[in-house]
Amino acid sequence: MISPTPQRNESDVAFEGTPAYSPYVLENDNPRVIYQAFKRATDIVLALIGLVVLSPLFLIVAILIKLEDPKGSVFFGQTRIGKDEKPFRMYKFRSMVSNAEELLDGLLEQNEISGAMFKMKKDPRITRVGAVIRKTSIDELPQLWNVVRGDMSLVGPRPALPREVAEYSSYDKLRLRVIPGCTGLWQVSGRNELSFSEMVELDLRYIEQRGVMMDWKIIFMTIRMFAGSKNAY
């Protein structure tokens, strides 16, 4: 049987040069109860520690954001799609102008990444403070609160926007079978240099191979990359 592929329907040919992950294999995966319990406990403990330890940095970033744009909010909340296509509110430090969402439609034609995702290296909506916190991924730190709430995990596929999921093929939606994460396999494997189809393949590889050792490896690789995220934009 020919497997469906990213951005293609079941009747299309298989994605050449990459592994094929069938819905049957991922859907009938071992529940891994012990692993999931350990993962959740680790998420809560590390996220709470992170929120406490990083609170001075949160304060500094909040002040800088307000100094640049006193009328704008410090945090940016956005609807994302989580496990089993359930929406939730994801939080970041605001790194763009207040009306960034309204300006997006006029920029879609300048998308620099293929597939159901928008990325633009010189996005005109980004503020001066935003450029710095995005470069270092500091803007992502409020997602630790999402981890505490259980919306996200420290490690997992990145949560997609509703408009992106609307363009997913059934194959792409396989990445929605687990709780999304703050970081994942594709973030430490090339980040924005990867195509959307390559990101999906790495997410599905993670879902198939996930475990305690892989999670910690990704966490340590993320920490190592944190200070010099040249591929972040």
C-alpha atoms as a PDB file:
ATOM      1  CA  MET A   1       0.000   0.000   0.000  1.00  0.00           C
ATOM      2  CA  ILE A   2       1.344   3.422  -0.956  1.00  0.00           C
ATOM      3  CA  SER A   3       1.526   5.818   2.005  1.00  0.00           C
ATOM      4  CA  PRO A   4       0.258   9.420   1.867  1.00  0.00           C
ATOM      5  CA  THR A   5       2.846  12.164   2.109  1.00  0.00           C
ATOM      6  CA  PRO A   6       3.129  15.745   3.429  1.00  0.00           C
ATOM      7  CA  GLN A   7       0.869  18.105   1.459  1.00  0.00           C
ATOM      8  CA  ARG A   8      -0.539  15.172  -0.540  1.00  0.00           C
ATOM      9  CA  ASN A   9      -3.595  12.960  -0.291  1.00  0.00           C
ATOM     10  CA  GLU A  10      -3.725   9.204   0.329  1.00  0.00           C
ATOM     11  CA  SER A  11      -4.048   8.534  -3.380  1.00  0.00           C
ATOM     12  CA  ASP A  12      -0.776  10.307  -4.151  1.00  0.00           C
ATOM     13  CA  VAL A  13       2.591   8.625  -4.352  1.00  0.00           C
ATOM     14  CA  ALA A  14       4.890   8.223  -1.359  1.00  0.00           C
ATOM     15  CA  PHE A  15       7.274  10.979  -0.351  1.00  0.00           C
ATOM     16  CA  GLU A  16      10.550  10.088  -2.007  1.00  0.00           C
ATOM     17  CA  GLY A  17      13.735   9.898   0.040  1.00  0.00           C
ATOM     18  CA  THR A  18      12.081   9.996   3.477  1.00  0.00           C
ATOM     19  CA  PRO A  19      10.640   7.348   5.816  1.00  0.00           C
ATOM     20  CA  ALA A  20       6.897   6.647   5.592  1.00  0.00           C
ATOM     21  CA  TYR A  21       4.929   6.652   8.836  1.00  0.00           C
ATOM     22  CA  SER A  22       1.518   5.017   8.592  1.00  0.00           C
ATOM     23  CA  PRO A  23      -1.421   6.180  10.705  1.00  0.00           C
ATOM     24  CA  TYR A  24      -1.785   2.590  11.930  1.00  0.00           C
ATOM     25  CA  VAL A  25       1.715   2.478  13.390  1.00  0.00           C
ATOM     26  CA  LEU A  26       1.425   5.830  15.191  1.00  0.00           C
ATOM     27  CA  GLU A  27      -2.173   5.359  16.310  1.00  0.00           C
ATOM     28  CA  ASN A  28      -1.509   1.946  17.835  1.00  0.00           C
ATOM     29  CA  ASP A  29       1.726   2.908  19.541  1.00  0.00           C
ATOM     30  CA  ASN A  30       2.418   1.498  22.995  1.00  0.00           C
ATOM     31  CA  PRO A  31       0.740   3.798  25.545  1.00  0.00           C
ATOM     32  CA  ARG A  32       4.063   4.056  27.416  1.00  0.00           C
ATOM     33  CA  VAL A  33       2.277   4.923  30.662  1.00  0.00           C
ATOM     34  CA  ILE A  34       5.455   5.100  32.749  1.00  0.00           C
ATOM     35  CA  TYR A  35       7.232   7.268  30.182  1.00  0.00           C
ATOM     36  CA  GLN A  36       4.278   9.644  29.862  1.00  0.00           C
ATOM     37  CA  ALA A  37       3.968   9.992  33.647  1.00  0.00           C
ATOM     38  CA  PHE A  38       7.691  10.660  33.995  1.00  0.00           C
ATOM     39  CA  LYS A  39       7.578  13.139  31.108  1.00  0.00           C
ATOM     40  CA  ARG A  40       4.695  15.057  32.676  1.00  0.00           C
ATOM     41  CA  ALA A  41       6.381  15.174  36.088  1.00  0.00           C
ATOM     42  CA  THR A  42       9.624  16.369  34.481  1.00  0.00           C
ATOM     43  CA  ASP A  43       7.736  19.022  32.517  1.00  0.00           C
ATOM     44  CA  ILE A  44       6.091  20.443  35.637  1.00  0.00           C
ATOM     45  CA  VAL A  45       9.254  20.473  37.767  1.00  0.00           C
ATOM     46  CA  LEU A  46      11.559  21.955  35.122  1.00  0.00           C
ATOM     47  CA  ALA A  47       8.990  24.501  33.928  1.00  0.00           C
ATOM     48  CA  LEU A  48       8.347  25.756  37.467  1.00  0.00           C
ATOM     49  CA  ILE A  49      12.080  25.972  38.157  1.00  0.00           C
ATOM     50  CA  GLY A  50      12.535  27.831  34.880  1.00  0.00           C
ATOM     51  CA  LEU A  51       9.793  30.340  35.691  1.00  0.00           C
ATOM     52  CA  VAL A  52      11.328  31.082  39.095  1.00  0.00           C
ATOM     53  CA  VAL A  53      14.971  31.237  37.968  1.00  0.00           C
ATOM     54  CA  LEU A  54      14.188  33.286  34.875  1.00  0.00           C
ATOM     55  CA  SER A  55      11.811  35.728  36.604  1.00  0.00           C
ATOM     56  CA  PRO A  56      14.441  38.536  36.673  1.00  0.00           C
ATOM     57  CA  LEU A  57      14.927  38.106  32.922  1.00  0.00           C
ATOM     58  CA  PHE A  58      11.148  38.178  32.440  1.00  0.00           C
ATOM     59  CA  LEU A  59      11.018  41.505  34.292  1.00  0.00           C
ATOM     60  CA  ILE A  60      13.821  43.028  32.227  1.00  0.00           C
ATOM     61  CA  VAL A  61      12.252  41.934  28.936  1.00  0.00           C
ATOM     62  CA  ALA A  62       8.845  43.244  30.029  1.00  0.00           C
ATOM     63  CA  ILE A  63      10.336  46.661  30.846  1.00  0.00           C
ATOM     64  CA  LEU A  64      12.165  46.842  27.497  1.00  0.00           C
ATOM     65  CA  ILE A  65       9.023  45.919  25.568  1.00  0.00           C
ATOM     66  CA  LYS A  66       7.028  48.583  27.398  1.00  0.00           C
ATOM     67  CA  LEU A  67       9.724  51.228  26.887  1.00  0.00           C
ATOM     68  CA  GLU A  68       9.638  50.664  23.135  1.00  0.00           C
ATOM     69  CA  ASP A  69       5.849  50.491  22.912  1.00  0.00           C
ATOM     70  CA  PRO A  70       4.106  51.756  26.086  1.00  0.00           C
ATOM     71  CA  LYS A  71       0.624  51.099  24.683  1.00  0.00           C
ATOM     72  CA  GLY A  72       1.322  47.548  23.568  1.00  0.00           C
ATOM     73  CA  SER A  73       1.057  44.431  25.713  1.00  0.00           C
ATOM     74  CA  VAL A  74       4.073  42.595  27.101  1.00  0.00           C
ATOM     75  CA  PHE A  75       2.768  39.166  26.229  1.00  0.00           C
ATOM     76  CA  PHE A  76       1.292  37.897  22.992  1.00  0.00           C
ATOM     77  CA  GLY A  77      -1.347  35.192  23.125  1.00  0.00           C
ATOM     78  CA  GLN A  78      -2.182  33.181  20.044  1.00  0.00           C
ATOM     79  CA  THR A  79      -4.481  30.249  19.352  1.00  0.00           C
ATOM     80  CA  ARG A  80      -2.534  27.121  18.445  1.00  0.00           C
ATOM     81  CA  ILE A  81      -3.581  23.567  17.693  1.00  0.00           C
ATOM     82  CA  GLY A  82      -2.543  20.952  20.219  1.00  0.00           C
ATOM     83  CA  LYS A  83      -2.874  17.208  20.653  1.00  0.00           C
ATOM     84  CA  ASP A  84      -5.751  15.662  18.702  1.00  0.00           C
ATOM     85  CA  GLU A  85      -6.415  19.040  17.015  1.00  0.00           C
ATOM     86  CA  LYS A  86      -7.599  20.703  20.243  1.00  0.00           C
ATOM     87  CA  PRO A  87      -6.991  24.490  20.259  1.00  0.00           C
ATOM     88  CA  PHE A  88      -5.292  26.267  23.152  1.00  0.00           C
ATOM     89  CA  ARG A  89      -3.834  29.696  23.908  1.00  0.00           C
ATOM     90  CA  MET A  90      -0.037  29.828  23.580  1.00  0.00           C
ATOM     91  CA  TYR A  91       1.966  32.689  25.100  1.00  0.00           C
ATOM     92  CA  LYS A  92       5.095  34.527  24.021  1.00  0.00           C
ATOM     93  CA  PHE A  93       6.777  37.817  24.746  1.00  0.00           C
ATOM     94  CA  ARG A  94       5.441  40.232  22.148  1.00  0.00           C
ATOM     95  CA  SER A  95       8.167  40.697  19.533  1.00  0.00           C
ATOM     96  CA  MET A  96       6.093  42.396  16.836  1.00  0.00           C
ATOM     97  CA  VAL A  97       3.994  45.520  16.445  1.00  0.00           C
ATOM     98  CA  SER A  98       0.592  45.381  18.107  1.00  0.00           C
ATOM     99  CA  ASN A  99      -1.297  44.915  14.824  1.00  0.00           C
ATOM    100  CA  ALA A 100       0.996  42.182  13.471  1.00  0.00           C
ATOM    101  CA  GLU A 101      -1.833  39.725  12.826  1.00  0.00           C
ATOM    102  CA  GLU A 102      -3.722  42.250  10.701  1.00  0.00           C
ATOM    103  CA  LEU A 103      -0.601  42.901   8.604  1.00  0.00           C
ATOM    104  CA  LEU A 104       0.087  39.220   7.940  1.00  0.00           C
ATOM    105  CA  ASP A 105      -2.220  38.849   4.935  1.00  0.00           C
ATOM    106  CA  GLY A 106      -0.177  41.408   3.030  1.00  0.00           C
ATOM    107  CA  LEU A 107       3.024  39.447   3.639  1.00  0.00           C
ATOM    108  CA  LEU A 108       1.947  35.891   2.811  1.00  0.00           C
ATOM    109  CA  GLU A 109       3.284  36.146  -0.735  1.00  0.00           C
ATOM    110  CA  GLN A 110       6.756  36.774   0.711  1.00  0.00           C
ATOM    111  CA  ASN A 111       6.779  33.537   2.709  1.00  0.00           C
ATOM    112  CA  GLU A 112      10.311  32.075   2.684  1.00  0.00           C
ATOM    113  CA  ILE A 113       9.440  28.519   3.660  1.00  0.00           C
ATOM    114  CA  SER A 114       7.501  25.967   1.649  1.00  0.00           C
ATOM    115  CA  GLY A 115       4.403  24.263   2.960  1.00  0.00           C
ATOM    116  CA  ALA A 116       1.804  25.119   5.600  1.00  0.00           C
ATOM    117  CA  MET A 117       3.940  27.557   7.603  1.00  0.00           C
ATOM    118  CA  PHE A 118       4.937  31.240   7.377  1.00  0.00           C
ATOM    119  CA  LYS A 119       8.515  32.428   7.943  1.00  0.00           C
ATOM    120  CA  MET A 120      10.125  35.659   6.778  1.00  0.00           C
ATOM    121  CA  LYS A 121      13.701  36.531   7.738  1.00  0.00           C
ATOM    122  CA  LYS A 122      13.267  40.309   7.436  1.00  0.00           C
ATOM    123  CA  ASP A 123       9.710  40.537   8.706  1.00  0.00           C
ATOM    124  CA  PRO A 124       8.857  44.284   8.893  1.00  0.00           C
ATOM    125  CA  ARG A 125       6.478  43.673  11.801  1.00  0.00           C
ATOM    126  CA  ILE A 126       9.305  42.807  14.215  1.00  0.00           C
ATOM    127  CA  THR A 127      10.260  45.499  16.744  1.00  0.00           C
ATOM    128  CA  ARG A 128      13.822  46.354  17.785  1.00  0.00           C
ATOM    129  CA  VAL A 129      13.462  44.556  21.114  1.00  0.00           C
ATOM    130  CA  GLY A 130      11.641  41.784  19.295  1.00  0.00           C
ATOM    131  CA  ALA A 131      14.567  41.208  16.949  1.00  0.00           C
ATOM    132  CA  VAL A 132      16.842  40.540  19.932  1.00  0.00           C
ATOM    133  CA  ILE A 133      14.533  38.277  21.898  1.00  0.00           C
ATOM    134  CA  ARG A 134      13.623  36.297  18.772  1.00  0.00           C
ATOM    135  CA  LYS A 135      17.292  35.863  17.843  1.00  0.00           C
ATOM    136  CA  THR A 136      17.979  34.356  21.258  1.00  0.00           C
ATOM    137  CA  SER A 137      14.572  32.601  21.513  1.00  0.00           C
ATOM    138  CA  ILE A 138      13.823  34.530  24.725  1.00  0.00           C
ATOM    139  CA  ASP A 139      10.405  35.356  23.269  1.00  0.00           C
ATOM    140  CA  GLU A 140       9.464  31.677  23.655  1.00  0.00           C
ATOM    141  CA  LEU A 141      10.090  31.500  27.422  1.00  0.00           C
ATOM    142  CA  PRO A 142       6.505  32.330  28.522  1.00  0.00           C
ATOM    143  CA  GLN A 143       5.543  28.970  27.031  1.00  0.00           C
ATOM    144  CA  LEU A 144       6.862  27.477  30.260  1.00  0.00           C
ATOM    145  CA  TRP A 145       3.486  28.500  31.666  1.00  0.00           C
ATOM    146  CA  ASN A 146       1.783  26.504  28.916  1.00  0.00           C
ATOM    147  CA  VAL A 147       3.903  23.540  30.002  1.00  0.00           C
ATOM    148  CA  VAL A 148       2.764  23.906  33.625  1.00  0.00           C
ATOM    149  CA  ARG A 149      -0.860  24.076  32.445  1.00  0.00           C
ATOM    150  CA  GLY A 150      -0.426  20.917  30.391  1.00  0.00           C
ATOM    151  CA  ASP A 151      -1.115  22.566  27.031  1.00  0.00           C
ATOM    152  CA  MET A 152       2.458  21.852  25.976  1.00  0.00           C
ATOM    153  CA  SER A 153       5.436  19.718  26.897  1.00  0.00           C
ATOM    154  CA  LEU A 154       9.080  20.758  27.006  1.00  0.00           C
ATOM    155  CA  VAL A 155       9.769  18.458  24.052  1.00  0.00           C
ATOM    156  CA  GLY A 156       7.442  17.676  21.167  1.00  0.00           C
ATOM    157  CA  PRO A 157       6.300  18.896  17.759  1.00  0.00           C
ATOM    158  CA  ARG A 158       5.818  22.670  17.639  1.00  0.00           C
ATOM    159  CA  PRO A 159       2.137  23.696  17.890  1.00  0.00           C
ATOM    160  CA  ALA A 160       0.733  24.892  14.576  1.00  0.00           C
ATOM    161  CA  LEU A 161      -1.622  27.742  13.792  1.00  0.00           C
ATOM    162  CA  PRO A 162      -5.235  26.938  12.811  1.00  0.00           C
ATOM    163  CA  ARG A 163      -4.671  28.330   9.295  1.00  0.00           C
ATOM    164  CA  GLU A 164      -1.650  26.046   8.914  1.00  0.00           C
ATOM    165  CA  VAL A 165      -3.513  22.944  10.081  1.00  0.00           C
ATOM    166  CA  ALA A 166      -6.291  23.791   7.606  1.00  0.00           C
ATOM    167  CA  GLU A 167      -3.725  23.140   4.847  1.00  0.00           C
ATOM    168  CA  TYR A 168      -2.459  19.857   6.340  1.00  0.00           C
ATOM    169  CA  SER A 169      -2.850  16.591   4.521  1.00  0.00           C
ATOM    170  CA  SER A 170      -3.934  13.569   6.565  1.00  0.00           C
ATOM    171  CA  TYR A 171      -0.256  12.614   6.678  1.00  0.00           C
ATOM    172  CA  ASP A 172       0.780  15.988   8.114  1.00  0.00           C
ATOM    173  CA  LYS A 173      -1.876  15.641  10.809  1.00  0.00           C
ATOM    174  CA  LEU A 174      -0.047  12.631  12.239  1.00  0.00           C
ATOM    175  CA  ARG A 175       2.203  15.140  14.034  1.00  0.00           C
ATOM    176  CA  LEU A 176      -0.845  16.216  16.062  1.00  0.00           C
ATOM    177  CA  ARG A 177      -1.120  12.857  17.849  1.00  0.00           C
ATOM    178  CA  VAL A 178       1.057  13.977  20.776  1.00  0.00           C
ATOM    179  CA  ILE A 179       1.214  17.039  23.046  1.00  0.00           C
ATOM    180  CA  PRO A 180       3.135  19.835  21.290  1.00  0.00           C
ATOM    181  CA  GLY A 181       6.430  21.033  22.713  1.00  0.00           C
ATOM    182  CA  CYS A 182       8.577  24.108  23.312  1.00  0.00           C
ATOM    183  CA  THR A 183      11.384  22.453  21.409  1.00  0.00           C
ATOM    184  CA  GLY A 184      11.717  19.379  19.279  1.00  0.00           C
ATOM    185  CA  LEU A 185      13.803  17.272  16.963  1.00  0.00           C
ATOM    186  CA  TRP A 186      13.557  19.617  13.984  1.00  0.00           C
ATOM    187  CA  GLN A 187      14.496  22.671  16.076  1.00  0.00           C
ATOM    188  CA  VAL A 188      17.847  21.087  16.898  1.00  0.00           C
ATOM    189  CA  SER A 189      18.286  19.664  13.392  1.00  0.00           C
ATOM    190  CA  GLY A 190      18.286  22.784  11.255  1.00  0.00           C
ATOM    191  CA  ARG A 191      15.366  24.851  12.465  1.00  0.00           C
ATOM    192  CA  ASN A 192      14.251  27.360   9.794  1.00  0.00           C
ATOM    193  CA  GLU A 193      16.683  25.985   7.217  1.00  0.00           C
ATOM    194  CA  LEU A 194      14.429  22.939   6.819  1.00  0.00           C
ATOM    195  CA  SER A 195      11.468  22.656   4.483  1.00  0.00           C
ATOM    196  CA  PHE A 196       8.011  22.000   5.928  1.00  0.00           C
ATOM    197  CA  SER A 197       8.020  18.401   4.681  1.00  0.00           C
ATOM    198  CA  GLU A 198      11.379  17.785   6.392  1.00  0.00           C
ATOM    199  CA  MET A 199       9.991  19.241   9.629  1.00  0.00           C
ATOM    200  CA  VAL A 200       7.026  16.880   9.467  1.00  0.00           C
ATOM    201  CA  GLU A 201       9.292  13.876   8.896  1.00  0.00           C
ATOM    202  CA  LEU A 202      11.427  14.811  11.919  1.00  0.00           C
ATOM    203  CA  ASP A 203       8.336  15.291  14.078  1.00  0.00           C
ATOM    204  CA  LEU A 204       7.043  11.857  13.088  1.00  0.00           C
ATOM    205  CA  ARG A 205      10.436  10.318  13.741  1.00  0.00           C
ATOM    206  CA  TYR A 206      10.315  11.822  17.233  1.00  0.00           C
ATOM    207  CA  ILE A 207       6.800  10.485  17.829  1.00  0.00           C
ATOM    208  CA  GLU A 208       7.888   6.989  16.811  1.00  0.00           C
ATOM    209  CA  GLN A 209      11.173   6.984  18.748  1.00  0.00           C
ATOM    210  CA  ARG A 210      10.347   9.234  21.721  1.00  0.00           C
ATOM    211  CA  GLY A 211      11.610   8.289  25.137  1.00  0.00           C
ATOM    212  CA  VAL A 212      13.349   9.688  28.208  1.00  0.00           C
ATOM    213  CA  MET A 213      16.830   9.621  26.680  1.00  0.00           C
ATOM    214  CA  MET A 214      15.715  11.301  23.453  1.00  0.00           C
ATOM    215  CA  ASP A 215      13.835  14.009  25.369  1.00  0.00           C
ATOM    216  CA  TRP A 216      16.857  14.854  27.514  1.00  0.00           C
ATOM    217  CA  LYS A 217      19.144  14.848  24.506  1.00  0.00           C
ATOM    218  CA  ILE A 218      16.883  17.364  22.749  1.00  0.00           C
ATOM    219  CA  ILE A 219      16.668  19.514  25.902  1.00  0.00           C
ATOM    220  CA  PHE A 220      20.454  19.649  26.261  1.00  0.00           C
ATOM    221  CA  MET A 221      20.911  20.396  22.557  1.00  0.00           C
ATOM    222  CA  THR A 222      18.350  23.193  22.843  1.00  0.00           C
ATOM    223  CA  ILE A 223      20.142  24.727  25.836  1.00  0.00           C
ATOM    224  CA  ARG A 224      23.422  24.600  23.923  1.00  0.00           C
ATOM    225  CA  MET A 225      21.838  26.361  20.963  1.00  0.00           C
ATOM    226  CA  PHE A 226      19.933  28.878  23.108  1.00  0.00           C
ATOM    227  CA  ALA A 227      22.578  31.602  23.326  1.00  0.00           C
ATOM    228  CA  GLY A 228      23.486  31.533  19.652  1.00  0.00           C
ATOM    229  CA  SER A 229      20.321  30.832  17.704  1.00  0.00           C
ATOM    230  CA  LYS A 230      21.462  32.139  14.349  1.00  0.00           C
ATOM    231  CA  ASN A 231      18.659  30.271  12.606  1.00  0.00           C
ATOM    232  CA  ALA A 232      15.888  31.866  14.668  1.00  0.00           C
ATOM    233  CA  TYR A 233      13.681  34.499  13.060  1.00  0.00           C
END
